[in-house]
C-alpha atoms as a PDB file:
ATOM      1  CA  MET A   1     266.857  81.585  48.167  1.00  0.00           C
ATOM      2  CA  GLU A   2     264.890  82.501  45.033  1.00  0.00           C
ATOM      3  CA  ASN A   3     262.218  85.182  45.397  1.00  0.00           C
ATOM      4  CA  TYR A   4     258.879  84.236  43.870  1.00  0.00           C
ATOM      5  CA  THR A   5     256.268  86.572  42.440  1.00  0.00           C
ATOM      6  CA  TYR A   6     253.042  84.695  41.908  1.00  0.00           C
ATOM      7  CA  ASN A   7     250.939  85.174  38.751  1.00  0.00           C
ATOM      8  CA  SER A   8     252.482  88.512  37.833  1.00  0.00           C
ATOM      9  CA  LEU A   9     250.853  90.170  34.809  1.00  0.00           C
ATOM     10  CA  THR A  10     254.174  91.710  33.744  1.00  0.00           C
ATOM     11  CA  LEU A  11     257.138  89.608  32.636  1.00  0.00           C
ATOM     12  CA  GLN A  12     260.758  90.448  31.927  1.00  0.00           C
ATOM     13  CA  LEU A  13     262.493  89.246  28.751  1.00  0.00           C
ATOM     14  CA  GLU A  14     266.144  88.332  28.897  1.00  0.00           C
ATOM     15  CA  GLY A  15     266.591  89.508  25.301  1.00  0.00           C
ATOM     16  CA  LEU A  16     269.827  89.124  23.378  1.00  0.00           C
ATOM     17  CA  LYS A  17     272.931  89.357  25.543  1.00  0.00           C
ATOM     18  CA  VAL A  18     275.125  91.696  23.527  1.00  0.00           C
ATOM     19  CA  PRO A  19     278.237  93.591  24.739  1.00  0.00           C
ATOM     20  CA  GLU A  20     277.491  97.292  25.119  1.00  0.00           C
ATOM     21  CA  ASP A  21     279.901  98.349  22.372  1.00  0.00           C
ATOM     22  CA  SER A  22     278.250  95.855  19.944  1.00  0.00           C
ATOM     23  CA  VAL A  23     274.621  96.892  20.513  1.00  0.00           C
ATOM     24  CA  LEU A  24     274.470  99.360  17.598  1.00  0.00           C
ATOM     25  CA  PRO A  25     276.079  97.021  14.990  1.00  0.00           C
ATOM     26  CA  VAL A  26     273.830  94.127  16.072  1.00  0.00           C
ATOM     27  CA  PHE A  27     270.778  96.418  16.009  1.00  0.00           C
ATOM     28  CA  LEU A  28     271.588  97.609  12.476  1.00  0.00           C
ATOM     29  CA  ILE A  29     272.243  94.061  11.220  1.00  0.00           C
ATOM     30  CA  LEU A  30     268.926  92.838  12.666  1.00  0.00           C
ATOM     31  CA  LEU A  31     267.063  95.872  11.317  1.00  0.00           C
ATOM     32  CA  PHE A  32     268.528  95.372   7.831  1.00  0.00           C
ATOM     33  CA  SER A  33     267.694  91.641   8.020  1.00  0.00           C
ATOM     34  CA  TYR A  34     264.114  92.396   9.048  1.00  0.00           C
ATOM     35  CA  VAL A  35     263.568  94.945   6.247  1.00  0.00           C
ATOM     36  CA  TYR A  36     265.173  92.576   3.721  1.00  0.00           C
ATOM     37  CA  ILE A  37     263.021  89.614   4.849  1.00  0.00           C
ATOM     38  CA  MET A  38     259.826  91.663   4.696  1.00  0.00           C
ATOM     39  CA  LEU A  39     260.566  93.090   1.246  1.00  0.00           C
ATOM     40  CA  MET A  40     261.636  89.749  -0.231  1.00  0.00           C
ATOM     41  CA  ASN A  41     258.738  87.725   1.148  1.00  0.00           C
ATOM     42  CA  ILE A  42     256.065  90.297   0.353  1.00  0.00           C
ATOM     43  CA  GLY A  43     257.632  90.846  -3.080  1.00  0.00           C
ATOM     44  CA  ILE A  44     257.667  87.180  -4.065  1.00  0.00           C
ATOM     45  CA  THR A  45     254.072  86.764  -2.835  1.00  0.00           C
ATOM     46  CA  VAL A  46     252.941  89.694  -4.989  1.00  0.00           C
ATOM     47  CA  ILE A  47     254.834  88.304  -8.006  1.00  0.00           C
ATOM     48  CA  ILE A  48     253.138  84.916  -7.674  1.00  0.00           C
ATOM     49  CA  PHE A  49     249.666  86.471  -7.511  1.00  0.00           C
ATOM     50  CA  VAL A  50     250.315  88.996 -10.309  1.00  0.00           C
ATOM     51  CA  GLU A  51     252.083  86.702 -12.804  1.00  0.00           C
ATOM     52  CA  LYS A  52     249.456  84.458 -14.420  1.00  0.00           C
ATOM     53  CA  SER A  53     251.982  81.749 -15.327  1.00  0.00           C
ATOM     54  CA  LEU A  54     252.600  81.275 -11.583  1.00  0.00           C
ATOM     55  CA  ASN A  55     248.928  80.749 -10.708  1.00  0.00           C
ATOM     56  CA  GLN A  56     249.484  77.052 -10.115  1.00  0.00           C
ATOM     57  CA  PRO A  57     248.973  74.858  -7.008  1.00  0.00           C
ATOM     58  CA  MET A  58     252.727  74.524  -6.423  1.00  0.00           C
ATOM     59  CA  TYR A  59     253.250  78.287  -6.166  1.00  0.00           C
ATOM     60  CA  PHE A  60     250.018  78.779  -4.232  1.00  0.00           C
ATOM     61  CA  PHE A  61     251.309  76.286  -1.652  1.00  0.00           C
ATOM     62  CA  PHE A  62     254.671  78.047  -1.587  1.00  0.00           C
ATOM     63  CA  CYS A  63     252.909  81.398  -0.908  1.00  0.00           C
ATOM     64  CA  ASN A  64     251.987  80.015   2.503  1.00  0.00           C
ATOM     65  CA  LEU A  65     255.671  80.131   3.473  1.00  0.00           C
ATOM     66  CA  PRO A  66     256.350  83.856   2.827  1.00  0.00           C
ATOM     67  CA  VAL A  67     252.991  84.798   4.392  1.00  0.00           C
ATOM     68  CA  SER A  68     253.902  82.727   7.450  1.00  0.00           C
ATOM     69  CA  ASP A  69     257.400  84.244   7.593  1.00  0.00           C
ATOM     70  CA  VAL A  70     256.102  87.825   7.370  1.00  0.00           C
ATOM     71  CA  ILE A  71     253.730  87.284  10.311  1.00  0.00           C
ATOM     72  CA  LEU A  72     256.374  85.404  12.307  1.00  0.00           C
ATOM     73  CA  MET A  73     259.015  88.108  11.781  1.00  0.00           C
ATOM     74  CA  THR A  74     256.578  90.917  12.631  1.00  0.00           C
ATOM     75  CA  ASN A  75     255.684  89.050  15.814  1.00  0.00           C
ATOM     76  CA  THR A  76     259.283  88.719  17.044  1.00  0.00           C
ATOM     77  CA  VAL A  77     261.945  90.949  15.464  1.00  0.00           C
ATOM     78  CA  PRO A  78     260.546  94.440  16.301  1.00  0.00           C
ATOM     79  CA  HIS A  79     260.303  93.441  19.964  1.00  0.00           C
ATOM     80  CA  VAL A  80     263.885  92.130  19.974  1.00  0.00           C
ATOM     81  CA  LEU A  81     265.090  95.321  18.277  1.00  0.00           C
ATOM     82  CA  SER A  82     263.409  97.559  20.853  1.00  0.00           C
ATOM     83  CA  ASP A  83     264.763  95.433  23.720  1.00  0.00           C
ATOM     84  CA  LEU A  84     268.306  95.807  22.395  1.00  0.00           C
ATOM     85  CA  LEU A  85     268.103  99.558  23.038  1.00  0.00           C
ATOM     86  CA  LEU A  86     266.757  99.116  26.575  1.00  0.00           C
ATOM     87  CA  PRO A  87     268.564  98.139  29.789  1.00  0.00           C
ATOM     88  CA  PRO A  88     267.748  94.562  30.929  1.00  0.00           C
ATOM     89  CA  SER A  89     265.444  95.780  33.715  1.00  0.00           C
ATOM     90  CA  LYS A  90     263.264  97.636  31.183  1.00  0.00           C
ATOM     91  CA  ARG A  91     262.736  94.703  28.799  1.00  0.00           C
ATOM     92  CA  LEU A  92     259.154  94.044  29.819  1.00  0.00           C
ATOM     93  CA  ILE A  93     256.165  92.354  28.213  1.00  0.00           C
ATOM     94  CA  SER A  94     252.654  91.712  29.499  1.00  0.00           C
ATOM     95  CA  TYR A  95     251.730  88.121  30.267  1.00  0.00           C
ATOM     96  CA  SER A  96     248.914  88.181  27.688  1.00  0.00           C
ATOM     97  CA  GLY A  97     251.324  89.635  25.110  1.00  0.00           C
ATOM     98  CA  CYS A  98     253.803  86.867  25.885  1.00  0.00           C
ATOM     99  CA  VAL A  99     251.107  84.205  25.447  1.00  0.00           C
ATOM    100  CA  VAL A 100     250.140  85.635  22.047  1.00  0.00           C
ATOM    101  CA  GLN A 101     253.786  85.871  20.968  1.00  0.00           C
ATOM    102  CA  ALA A 102     254.455  82.287  22.122  1.00  0.00           C
ATOM    103  CA  PHE A 103     251.436  80.947  20.233  1.00  0.00           C
ATOM    104  CA  ILE A 104     252.341  82.790  17.012  1.00  0.00           C
ATOM    105  CA  THR A 105     256.011  81.770  17.243  1.00  0.00           C
ATOM    106  CA  ASN A 106     255.274  78.072  17.730  1.00  0.00           C
ATOM    107  CA  PHE A 107     252.306  78.015  15.349  1.00  0.00           C
ATOM    108  CA  PHE A 108     254.024  79.555  12.345  1.00  0.00           C
ATOM    109  CA  SER A 109     257.216  77.567  12.968  1.00  0.00           C
ATOM    110  CA  SER A 110     255.106  74.378  12.837  1.00  0.00           C
ATOM    111  CA  THR A 111     253.136  75.377   9.736  1.00  0.00           C
ATOM    112  CA  SER A 112     256.404  75.637   7.787  1.00  0.00           C
ATOM    113  CA  HIS A 113     256.759  71.859   8.146  1.00  0.00           C
ATOM    114  CA  THR A 114     253.173  71.058   7.186  1.00  0.00           C
ATOM    115  CA  VAL A 115     253.275  73.428   4.195  1.00  0.00           C
ATOM    116  CA  LEU A 116     256.431  71.715   2.913  1.00  0.00           C
ATOM    117  CA  MET A 117     254.688  68.368   3.368  1.00  0.00           C
ATOM    118  CA  ILE A 118     251.775  69.331   1.096  1.00  0.00           C
ATOM    119  CA  MET A 119     254.258  70.820  -1.379  1.00  0.00           C
ATOM    120  CA  ALA A 120     256.005  67.430  -1.457  1.00  0.00           C
ATOM    121  CA  PHE A 121     252.680  65.745  -2.256  1.00  0.00           C
ATOM    122  CA  ASP A 122     252.090  68.256  -5.053  1.00  0.00           C
ATOM    123  CA  ARG A 123     255.526  67.498  -6.556  1.00  0.00           C
ATOM    124  CA  TYR A 124     254.842  63.760  -6.304  1.00  0.00           C
ATOM    125  CA  VAL A 125     251.566  64.061  -8.240  1.00  0.00           C
ATOM    126  CA  ALA A 126     253.094  66.403 -10.835  1.00  0.00           C
ATOM    127  CA  ILE A 127     256.087  64.154 -11.558  1.00  0.00           C
ATOM    128  CA  CYS A 128     254.678  60.673 -11.002  1.00  0.00           C
ATOM    129  CA  ASN A 129     251.153  61.244 -12.355  1.00  0.00           C
ATOM    130  CA  PRO A 130     251.480  64.166 -14.785  1.00  0.00           C
ATOM    131  CA  LEU A 131     248.509  63.099 -16.918  1.00  0.00           C
ATOM    132  CA  HIS A 132     246.187  63.064 -13.903  1.00  0.00           C
ATOM    133  CA  TYR A 133     247.660  66.142 -12.191  1.00  0.00           C
ATOM    134  CA  SER A 134     244.856  68.546 -13.125  1.00  0.00           C
ATOM    135  CA  SER A 135     242.161  66.057 -12.096  1.00  0.00           C
ATOM    136  CA  ILE A 136     243.845  65.352  -8.736  1.00  0.00           C
ATOM    137  CA  MET A 137     245.034  68.842  -7.798  1.00  0.00           C
ATOM    138  CA  THR A 138     241.684  70.547  -8.212  1.00  0.00           C
ATOM    139  CA  ASN A 139     240.797  73.795  -6.443  1.00  0.00           C
ATOM    140  CA  ARG A 140     238.941  71.749  -3.848  1.00  0.00           C
ATOM    141  CA  MET A 141     241.996  69.573  -3.188  1.00  0.00           C
ATOM    142  CA  VAL A 142     244.253  72.646  -2.938  1.00  0.00           C
ATOM    143  CA  ILE A 143     241.915  74.171  -0.345  1.00  0.00           C
ATOM    144  CA  LYS A 144     241.737  70.890   1.604  1.00  0.00           C
ATOM    145  CA  LEU A 145     245.524  70.561   1.730  1.00  0.00           C
ATOM    146  CA  THR A 146     245.948  74.204   2.748  1.00  0.00           C
ATOM    147  CA  VAL A 147     243.371  73.841   5.545  1.00  0.00           C
ATOM    148  CA  TYR A 148     245.248  70.731   6.719  1.00  0.00           C
ATOM    149  CA  ALA A 149     248.597  72.563   6.667  1.00  0.00           C
ATOM    150  CA  TRP A 150     247.244  75.352   8.886  1.00  0.00           C
ATOM    151  CA  GLY A 151     244.538  73.520  10.818  1.00  0.00           C
ATOM    152  CA  VAL A 152     246.516  70.622  12.302  1.00  0.00           C
ATOM    153  CA  PRO A 153     249.247  72.803  13.900  1.00  0.00           C
ATOM    154  CA  PHE A 154     246.574  75.248  15.087  1.00  0.00           C
ATOM    155  CA  VAL A 155     244.663  72.563  17.028  1.00  0.00           C
ATOM    156  CA  TRP A 156     247.872  71.102  18.480  1.00  0.00           C
ATOM    157  CA  LEU A 157     249.160  74.519  19.534  1.00  0.00           C
ATOM    158  CA  VAL A 158     245.873  75.607  21.126  1.00  0.00           C
ATOM    159  CA  VAL A 159     246.096  72.571  23.420  1.00  0.00           C
ATOM    160  CA  LEU A 160     249.844  73.073  24.001  1.00  0.00           C
ATOM    161  CA  VAL A 161     249.556  76.737  25.012  1.00  0.00           C
ATOM    162  CA  SER A 162     246.383  76.051  27.034  1.00  0.00           C
ATOM    163  CA  LEU A 163     248.333  73.540  29.127  1.00  0.00           C
ATOM    164  CA  SER A 164     250.836  76.295  29.922  1.00  0.00           C
ATOM    165  CA  ILE A 165     248.208  78.946  30.700  1.00  0.00           C
ATOM    166  CA  ARG A 166     246.545  76.700  33.307  1.00  0.00           C
ATOM    167  CA  LEU A 167     249.711  76.688  35.447  1.00  0.00           C
ATOM    168  CA  ASN A 168     250.331  79.056  38.341  1.00  0.00           C
ATOM    169  CA  ARG A 169     253.326  81.296  37.730  1.00  0.00           C
ATOM    170  CA  CYS A 170     255.993  81.925  40.356  1.00  0.00           C
ATOM    171  CA  ARG A 171     258.655  83.476  38.128  1.00  0.00           C
ATOM    172  CA  THR A 172     258.705  86.532  35.882  1.00  0.00           C
ATOM    173  CA  MET A 173     261.885  86.112  33.808  1.00  0.00           C
ATOM    174  CA  ILE A 174     261.596  84.764  30.241  1.00  0.00           C
ATOM    175  CA  MET A 175     265.004  83.239  29.579  1.00  0.00           C
ATOM    176  CA  ASN A 176     264.827  83.841  25.827  1.00  0.00           C
ATOM    177  CA  PRO A 177     264.937  86.721  23.330  1.00  0.00           C
ATOM    178  CA  VAL A 178     261.240  86.035  22.547  1.00  0.00           C
ATOM    179  CA  CYS A 179     258.380  84.183  24.219  1.00  0.00           C
ATOM    180  CA  ASP A 180     257.716  80.590  23.249  1.00  0.00           C
ATOM    181  CA  ASN A 181     255.719  77.804  24.842  1.00  0.00           C
ATOM    182  CA  ALA A 182     258.691  76.291  26.688  1.00  0.00           C
ATOM    183  CA  SER A 183     259.445  79.689  28.228  1.00  0.00           C
ATOM    184  CA  LEU A 184     255.822  79.991  29.380  1.00  0.00           C
ATOM    185  CA  PHE A 185     255.620  76.776  31.366  1.00  0.00           C
ATOM    186  CA  LYS A 186     259.107  77.320  32.811  1.00  0.00           C
ATOM    187  CA  LEU A 187     257.614  80.296  34.669  1.00  0.00           C
ATOM    188  CA  SER A 188     255.674  77.845  36.831  1.00  0.00           C
ATOM    189  CA  CYS A 189     256.678  76.038  40.020  1.00  0.00           C
ATOM    190  CA  ASP A 190     253.886  73.467  39.476  1.00  0.00           C
ATOM    191  CA  ASP A 191     254.395  70.006  38.041  1.00  0.00           C
ATOM    192  CA  VAL A 192     254.944  70.470  34.283  1.00  0.00           C
ATOM    193  CA  SER A 193     255.256  66.784  33.373  1.00  0.00           C
ATOM    194  CA  ILE A 194     252.121  66.908  31.194  1.00  0.00           C
ATOM    195  CA  ASN A 195     253.495  69.934  29.346  1.00  0.00           C
ATOM    196  CA  ASN A 196     256.808  68.200  28.699  1.00  0.00           C
ATOM    197  CA  ILE A 197     255.168  64.958  27.546  1.00  0.00           C
ATOM    198  CA  TYR A 198     252.651  66.688  25.275  1.00  0.00           C
ATOM    199  CA  GLY A 199     255.269  69.076  23.862  1.00  0.00           C
ATOM    200  CA  LEU A 200     257.716  66.232  23.177  1.00  0.00           C
ATOM    201  CA  THR A 201     254.939  64.110  21.623  1.00  0.00           C
ATOM    202  CA  PHE A 202     253.912  67.003  19.370  1.00  0.00           C
ATOM    203  CA  THR A 203     257.532  67.583  18.275  1.00  0.00           C
ATOM    204  CA  VAL A 204     258.185  63.878  17.616  1.00  0.00           C
ATOM    205  CA  ILE A 205     254.948  63.438  15.631  1.00  0.00           C
ATOM    206  CA  LEU A 206     255.570  66.612  13.607  1.00  0.00           C
ATOM    207  CA  PHE A 207     259.154  65.654  12.771  1.00  0.00           C
ATOM    208  CA  ALA A 208     258.264  61.995  12.131  1.00  0.00           C
ATOM    209  CA  PHE A 209     255.472  62.848   9.684  1.00  0.00           C
ATOM    210  CA  SER A 210     257.595  65.571   8.113  1.00  0.00           C
ATOM    211  CA  ILE A 211     260.676  63.385   7.569  1.00  0.00           C
ATOM    212  CA  GLY A 212     258.573  60.328   6.670  1.00  0.00           C
ATOM    213  CA  SER A 213     256.583  62.171   4.009  1.00  0.00           C
ATOM    214  CA  MET A 214     259.760  63.599   2.471  1.00  0.00           C
ATOM    215  CA  VAL A 215     261.574  60.253   2.380  1.00  0.00           C
ATOM    216  CA  LEU A 216     258.548  58.443   0.924  1.00  0.00           C
ATOM    217  CA  THR A 217     257.820  61.155  -1.647  1.00  0.00           C
ATOM    218  CA  TYR A 218     261.363  61.508  -2.892  1.00  0.00           C
ATOM    219  CA  ALA A 219     261.903  57.738  -2.920  1.00  0.00           C
ATOM    220  CA  LYS A 220     258.898  57.345  -5.242  1.00  0.00           C
ATOM    221  CA  ILE A 221     259.996  60.276  -7.421  1.00  0.00           C
ATOM    222  CA  THR A 222     263.491  58.748  -7.714  1.00  0.00           C
ATOM    223  CA  VAL A 223     262.050  55.373  -8.730  1.00  0.00           C
ATOM    224  CA  VAL A 224     259.866  57.020 -11.404  1.00  0.00           C
ATOM    225  CA  CYS A 225     262.790  59.024 -12.790  1.00  0.00           C
ATOM    226  CA  LEU A 226     265.023  55.953 -12.949  1.00  0.00           C
ATOM    227  CA  THR A 227     262.434  53.683 -14.556  1.00  0.00           C
ATOM    228  CA  ARG A 228     261.120  56.121 -17.174  1.00  0.00           C
ATOM    229  CA  LYS A 229     264.596  57.372 -18.168  1.00  0.00           C
ATOM    230  CA  SER A 230     263.115  60.547 -19.613  1.00  0.00           C
ATOM    231  CA  LYS A 231     265.547  63.476 -19.828  1.00  0.00           C
ATOM    232  CA  SER A 232     262.760  66.062 -19.743  1.00  0.00           C
ATOM    233  CA  LEU A 233     261.149  64.371 -16.728  1.00  0.00           C
ATOM    234  CA  ASN A 234     264.468  64.114 -14.880  1.00  0.00           C
ATOM    235  CA  SER A 235     265.267  67.757 -15.629  1.00  0.00           C
ATOM    236  CA  LYS A 236     261.869  68.905 -14.356  1.00  0.00           C
ATOM    237  CA  ALA A 237     262.192  66.764 -11.223  1.00  0.00           C
ATOM    238  CA  LEU A 238     265.711  68.049 -10.528  1.00  0.00           C
ATOM    239  CA  ILE A 239     264.699  71.718 -10.742  1.00  0.00           C
ATOM    240  CA  THR A 240     261.456  71.568  -8.760  1.00  0.00           C
ATOM    241  CA  CYS A 241     262.542  68.993  -6.198  1.00  0.00           C
ATOM    242  CA  SER A 242     266.005  70.445  -5.480  1.00  0.00           C
ATOM    243  CA  THR A 243     264.398  73.792  -4.626  1.00  0.00           C
ATOM    244  CA  HIS A 244     261.845  72.207  -2.328  1.00  0.00           C
ATOM    245  CA  LEU A 245     264.386  69.864  -0.739  1.00  0.00           C
ATOM    246  CA  LEU A 246     266.899  72.643  -0.056  1.00  0.00           C
ATOM    247  CA  VAL A 247     264.237  74.738   1.715  1.00  0.00           C
ATOM    248  CA  TYR A 248     263.215  71.689   3.734  1.00  0.00           C
ATOM    249  CA  LEU A 249     266.771  70.777   4.759  1.00  0.00           C
ATOM    250  CA  ILE A 250     267.455  74.333   5.975  1.00  0.00           C
ATOM    251  CA  LEU A 251     264.266  74.300   8.039  1.00  0.00           C
ATOM    252  CA  MET A 252     264.783  70.799   9.415  1.00  0.00           C
ATOM    253  CA  GLY A 253     268.473  71.339  10.176  1.00  0.00           C
ATOM    254  CA  GLY A 254     267.752  74.477  12.184  1.00  0.00           C
ATOM    255  CA  GLY A 255     264.867  72.817  14.005  1.00  0.00           C
ATOM    256  CA  ILE A 256     266.880  69.739  14.995  1.00  0.00           C
ATOM    257  CA  ILE A 257     269.758  71.879  16.313  1.00  0.00           C
ATOM    258  CA  ALA A 258     267.396  74.099  18.331  1.00  0.00           C
ATOM    259  CA  VAL A 259     265.547  71.091  19.834  1.00  0.00           C
ATOM    260  CA  ALA A 260     268.788  69.172  20.546  1.00  0.00           C
ATOM    261  CA  LEU A 261     270.353  72.100  22.404  1.00  0.00           C
ATOM    262  CA  HIS A 262     267.363  72.125  24.783  1.00  0.00           C
ATOM    263  CA  ARG A 263     268.770  68.868  26.191  1.00  0.00           C
ATOM    264  CA  PHE A 264     272.113  70.477  27.096  1.00  0.00           C
ATOM    265  CA  PRO A 265     271.666  73.222  29.742  1.00  0.00           C
ATOM    266  CA  GLN A 266     275.367  74.153  29.549  1.00  0.00           C
ATOM    267  CA  TYR A 267     274.758  75.446  26.025  1.00  0.00           C
ATOM    268  CA  SER A 268     271.829  77.695  26.972  1.00  0.00           C
ATOM    269  CA  TYR A 269     273.328  80.787  25.313  1.00  0.00           C
ATOM    270  CA  GLU A 270     274.035  78.911  22.064  1.00  0.00           C
ATOM    271  CA  ARG A 271     270.498  77.481  22.157  1.00  0.00           C
ATOM    272  CA  LYS A 272     268.958  80.946  22.442  1.00  0.00           C
ATOM    273  CA  ILE A 273     270.995  82.256  19.508  1.00  0.00           C
ATOM    274  CA  CYS A 274     270.191  79.165  17.390  1.00  0.00           C
ATOM    275  CA  SER A 275     266.487  79.405  18.246  1.00  0.00           C
ATOM    276  CA  PHE A 276     266.414  83.026  17.067  1.00  0.00           C
ATOM    277  CA  LEU A 277     268.412  82.239  13.912  1.00  0.00           C
ATOM    278  CA  TYR A 278     266.006  79.356  13.279  1.00  0.00           C
ATOM    279  CA  LEU A 279     263.319  82.014  12.792  1.00  0.00           C
ATOM    280  CA  LEU A 280     265.468  84.392  10.727  1.00  0.00           C
ATOM    281  CA  VAL A 281     267.515  82.221   8.362  1.00  0.00           C
ATOM    282  CA  PRO A 282     264.750  80.240   6.564  1.00  0.00           C
ATOM    283  CA  ALA A 283     262.666  83.410   6.178  1.00  0.00           C
ATOM    284  CA  GLY A 284     265.611  85.135   4.494  1.00  0.00           C
ATOM    285  CA  LEU A 285     266.704  82.242   2.278  1.00  0.00           C
ATOM    286  CA  ASN A 286     263.365  80.880   1.026  1.00  0.00           C
ATOM    287  CA  PRO A 287     262.592  83.769  -1.385  1.00  0.00           C
ATOM    288  CA  ILE A 288     266.137  83.662  -2.800  1.00  0.00           C
ATOM    289  CA  ILE A 289     266.065  79.896  -3.343  1.00  0.00           C
ATOM    290  CA  TYR A 290     262.692  79.943  -5.098  1.00  0.00           C
ATOM    291  CA  GLY A 291     263.471  83.171  -6.941  1.00  0.00           C
ATOM    292  CA  VAL A 292     266.726  81.811  -8.374  1.00  0.00           C
ATOM    293  CA  GLN A 293     265.415  78.332  -9.168  1.00  0.00           C
ATOM    294  CA  THR A 294     262.017  79.251 -10.615  1.00  0.00           C
ATOM    295  CA  LYS A 295     262.279  80.252 -14.261  1.00  0.00           C
ATOM    296  CA  GLU A 296     258.939  82.111 -14.313  1.00  0.00           C
ATOM    297  CA  ILE A 297     259.920  84.270 -11.324  1.00  0.00           C
ATOM    298  CA  ARG A 298     263.299  85.097 -12.878  1.00  0.00           C
ATOM    299  CA  LEU A 299     261.639  86.072 -16.166  1.00  0.00           C
ATOM    300  CA  PHE A 300     259.080  88.261 -14.379  1.00  0.00           C
ATOM    301  CA  ILE A 301     261.831  90.122 -12.480  1.00  0.00           C
ATOM    302  CA  GLN A 302     263.885  90.552 -15.658  1.00  0.00           C
ATOM    303  CA  LYS A 303     260.817  91.845 -17.513  1.00  0.00           C
ATOM    304  CA  LEU A 304     260.118  94.266 -14.649  1.00  0.00           C
ATOM    305  CA  PHE A 305     263.655  95.693 -14.707  1.00  0.00           C
ATOM    306  CA  TYR A 306     263.794  95.906 -18.519  1.00  0.00           C
ATOM    307  CA  SER A 307     260.486  97.784 -18.591  1.00  0.00           C
ATOM    308  CA  LYS A 308     261.861 100.276 -16.044  1.00  0.00           C
ATOM    309  CA  GLU A 309     265.040 100.762 -18.077  1.00  0.00           C
ATOM    310  CA  SER A 310     262.990 101.501 -21.205  1.00  0.00           C
ATOM    311  CA  PHE A 311     261.529 104.537 -19.437  1.00  0.00           C
END
């Protein structure tokens, strides 16, 4: 019979299940990944703000992604790293700390989708209405879209996490490397039907709007490129849209796999690994994809290295 501890203020994290002889290699790989992600995301953010040619709405919108990734990684990876070096019984976290970590994890994972949605709108205006771009994408519009990208997930997540906090807790084990909302309400022995329905509704709406906006945007961009038959327009669309689309596909692919594996309890270990990689992989790839594809960023980095060599 399962022993219950009601409303404990201290929780235990399962962490990553790693064989004892593999702890050090896994720790070093994660540490290197964390340092790399932080340097790359902070670096590309600084480049965009310093380089005047990059002070455009498209790059301002993109800056939301590295900022989000830096906060998300700082919220999760250091805790996972410290837990790797501890025995399972010592992998503890306060309930309030778990709530904060769950909110940040779910919030910044969701904002990645909404940021990519407003970036898609920006690309649509730039390619399909280039003559009216400056009049449409004003500073006021940029601020409105940014507030939408952060505000909508924030409101949804406040309600989502609040539904989990209201529950009485009878368990203390978080069956994940990090806290998330699903882990929070699974601590309860109360009826969690409302949590499941609201969480599933939120996920379906987020994915539906995300996929729908991408399909609609790129369908219209394709039609414009085919009808105008302009080589310069097609070249511009290919460069800017392929970068954005690749980032989106990586994010969406990881999200779909992580959500799908929730429906198969026999793959719980694979789900936990995929959920953690879902946080790491996009954060590591986004700066590379935009750095390689964006001419202005490449030129800035080349200029930076050449100026160092001259000294």
